[in-house]
């Protein structure tokens, strides 16, 4: 919520009170906060999903550090953002 408040301050005009934001300004600030949230949390969601996979279904990690290291080494840093596109579409 603090990100949403920060974005509200960014979209308001100088002569405008934060309580008097237009619908468009509220949509823009809320969408920007949602996008920031998705981009910041996406790597953790990818790692959480991989760690939740049972060993008989291909789960192969010893812990979060092992999962992070191996994911980046084997697939590259960008692999931490798999699924970012659909998540962003549902946010905006």
C-alpha atoms as a PDB file:
ATOM      1  CA  UNK A   1       0.000   0.000   0.000  1.00  0.00           C
ATOM      2  CA  UNK A   2       2.885   2.364   0.601  1.00  0.00           C
ATOM      3  CA  UNK A   3       3.868   2.039  -3.061  1.00  0.00           C
ATOM      4  CA  UNK A   4       0.352   2.998  -4.086  1.00  0.00           C
ATOM      5  CA  UNK A   5       0.553   6.073  -1.853  1.00  0.00           C
ATOM      6  CA  UNK A   6       3.920   7.011  -3.365  1.00  0.00           C
ATOM      7  CA  UNK A   7       2.497   6.701  -6.878  1.00  0.00           C
ATOM      8  CA  UNK A   8      -0.518   8.789  -5.870  1.00  0.00           C
ATOM      9  CA  UNK A   9       1.873  11.558  -4.860  1.00  0.00           C
ATOM     10  CA  UNK A  10       3.599  11.240  -8.230  1.00  0.00           C
ATOM     11  CA  UNK A  11       0.404  11.569 -10.295  1.00  0.00           C
ATOM     12  CA  UNK A  12      -1.246  14.383  -8.372  1.00  0.00           C
ATOM     13  CA  UNK A  13      -1.007  17.948  -9.594  1.00  0.00           C
ATOM     14  CA  UNK A  14       0.728  20.532  -7.400  1.00  0.00           C
ATOM     15  CA  UNK A  15      -2.533  22.272  -6.557  1.00  0.00           C
ATOM     16  CA  UNK A  16      -4.400  19.027  -5.875  1.00  0.00           C
ATOM     17  CA  UNK A  17      -5.090  17.277  -2.586  1.00  0.00           C
ATOM     18  CA  UNK A  18      -4.373  13.532  -2.563  1.00  0.00           C
ATOM     19  CA  UNK A  19      -8.012  12.903  -1.560  1.00  0.00           C
ATOM     20  CA  UNK A  20      -9.205  14.683  -4.705  1.00  0.00           C
ATOM     21  CA  UNK A  21      -7.494  12.450  -7.271  1.00  0.00           C
ATOM     22  CA  UNK A  22      -9.466  11.679 -10.404  1.00  0.00           C
ATOM     23  CA  UNK A  23     -10.495   8.171 -11.339  1.00  0.00           C
ATOM     24  CA  UNK A  24      -7.789   8.104 -14.031  1.00  0.00           C
ATOM     25  CA  UNK A  25      -5.117   9.158 -11.567  1.00  0.00           C
ATOM     26  CA  UNK A  26      -6.212   6.434  -9.158  1.00  0.00           C
ATOM     27  CA  UNK A  27      -6.132   3.818 -11.924  1.00  0.00           C
ATOM     28  CA  UNK A  28      -2.658   4.909 -13.045  1.00  0.00           C
ATOM     29  CA  UNK A  29      -1.225   4.931  -9.519  1.00  0.00           C
ATOM     30  CA  UNK A  30      -2.818   1.579  -8.648  1.00  0.00           C
ATOM     31  CA  UNK A  31      -1.613  -0.043 -11.862  1.00  0.00           C
ATOM     32  CA  UNK A  32       1.918   1.270 -11.368  1.00  0.00           C
ATOM     33  CA  UNK A  33       1.979  -0.066  -7.809  1.00  0.00           C
ATOM     34  CA  UNK A  34       0.674  -3.433  -9.026  1.00  0.00           C
ATOM     35  CA  UNK A  35       3.308  -3.664 -11.750  1.00  0.00           C
ATOM     36  CA  UNK A  36       6.058  -2.840  -9.262  1.00  0.00           C
ATOM     37  CA  UNK A  37       4.731  -5.520  -6.915  1.00  0.00           C
ATOM     38  CA  UNK A  38       4.640  -8.168  -9.635  1.00  0.00           C
ATOM     39  CA  UNK A  39       8.143  -7.337 -10.893  1.00  0.00           C
ATOM     40  CA  UNK A  40       9.571  -7.365  -7.361  1.00  0.00           C
ATOM     41  CA  UNK A  41       7.849 -10.593  -6.270  1.00  0.00           C
ATOM     42  CA  UNK A  42       8.064 -12.626  -9.474  1.00  0.00           C
ATOM     43  CA  UNK A  43      11.465 -14.206  -8.742  1.00  0.00           C
ATOM     44  CA  UNK A  44      10.231 -15.363  -5.342  1.00  0.00           C
ATOM     45  CA  UNK A  45       7.115 -16.887  -6.895  1.00  0.00           C
ATOM     46  CA  UNK A  46       9.228 -18.804  -9.432  1.00  0.00           C
ATOM     47  CA  UNK A  47      11.493 -20.131  -6.675  1.00  0.00           C
ATOM     48  CA  UNK A  48       8.545 -20.978  -4.418  1.00  0.00           C
ATOM     49  CA  UNK A  49       6.887 -22.933  -7.210  1.00  0.00           C
ATOM     50  CA  UNK A  50      10.056 -24.880  -7.969  1.00  0.00           C
ATOM     51  CA  UNK A  51      10.639 -25.679  -4.305  1.00  0.00           C
ATOM     52  CA  UNK A  52       7.059 -26.889  -3.857  1.00  0.00           C
ATOM     53  CA  UNK A  53       7.467 -29.552  -6.532  1.00  0.00           C
ATOM     54  CA  UNK A  54       7.789 -33.043  -4.996  1.00  0.00           C
ATOM     55  CA  UNK A  55      10.881 -35.118  -5.781  1.00  0.00           C
ATOM     56  CA  UNK A  56       8.877 -37.734  -7.699  1.00  0.00           C
ATOM     57  CA  UNK A  57       7.642 -34.985 -10.045  1.00  0.00           C
ATOM     58  CA  UNK A  58      11.099 -33.572 -10.734  1.00  0.00           C
ATOM     59  CA  UNK A  59      11.791 -31.556  -7.595  1.00  0.00           C
ATOM     60  CA  UNK A  60      15.539 -31.455  -7.264  1.00  0.00           C
ATOM     61  CA  UNK A  61      16.527 -28.664  -4.907  1.00  0.00           C
ATOM     62  CA  UNK A  62      17.953 -28.817  -1.386  1.00  0.00           C
ATOM     63  CA  UNK A  63      16.715 -25.378  -0.351  1.00  0.00           C
ATOM     64  CA  UNK A  64      16.098 -21.844  -1.487  1.00  0.00           C
ATOM     65  CA  UNK A  65      19.766 -20.960  -1.928  1.00  0.00           C
ATOM     66  CA  UNK A  66      20.419 -24.114  -3.939  1.00  0.00           C
ATOM     67  CA  UNK A  67      17.322 -23.440  -6.031  1.00  0.00           C
ATOM     68  CA  UNK A  68      18.358 -19.836  -6.709  1.00  0.00           C
ATOM     69  CA  UNK A  69      21.952 -20.724  -7.628  1.00  0.00           C
ATOM     70  CA  UNK A  70      21.045 -23.617  -9.881  1.00  0.00           C
ATOM     71  CA  UNK A  71      18.234 -21.776 -11.610  1.00  0.00           C
ATOM     72  CA  UNK A  72      20.491 -18.844 -12.468  1.00  0.00           C
ATOM     73  CA  UNK A  73      23.440 -21.073 -13.461  1.00  0.00           C
ATOM     74  CA  UNK A  74      21.418 -23.443 -15.621  1.00  0.00           C
ATOM     75  CA  UNK A  75      18.822 -21.095 -17.125  1.00  0.00           C
ATOM     76  CA  UNK A  76      20.150 -17.575 -16.623  1.00  0.00           C
ATOM     77  CA  UNK A  77      18.952 -14.671 -14.500  1.00  0.00           C
ATOM     78  CA  UNK A  78      15.971 -13.994 -16.759  1.00  0.00           C
ATOM     79  CA  UNK A  79      14.508 -17.384 -15.824  1.00  0.00           C
ATOM     80  CA  UNK A  80      13.546 -15.897 -12.457  1.00  0.00           C
ATOM     81  CA  UNK A  81      10.998 -13.841 -14.377  1.00  0.00           C
ATOM     82  CA  UNK A  82       9.259 -16.723 -16.152  1.00  0.00           C
ATOM     83  CA  UNK A  83       5.540 -16.056 -16.247  1.00  0.00           C
ATOM     84  CA  UNK A  84       5.988 -12.308 -15.819  1.00  0.00           C
ATOM     85  CA  UNK A  85       3.956 -11.445 -18.930  1.00  0.00           C
ATOM     86  CA  UNK A  86       0.704 -13.125 -17.864  1.00  0.00           C
ATOM     87  CA  UNK A  87       1.118 -11.815 -14.321  1.00  0.00           C
ATOM     88  CA  UNK A  88       1.498  -8.257 -15.621  1.00  0.00           C
ATOM     89  CA  UNK A  89      -1.528  -8.609 -17.882  1.00  0.00           C
ATOM     90  CA  UNK A  90      -3.709  -9.669 -14.964  1.00  0.00           C
ATOM     91  CA  UNK A  91      -2.355  -6.804 -12.841  1.00  0.00           C
ATOM     92  CA  UNK A  92      -3.023  -3.977 -15.265  1.00  0.00           C
END
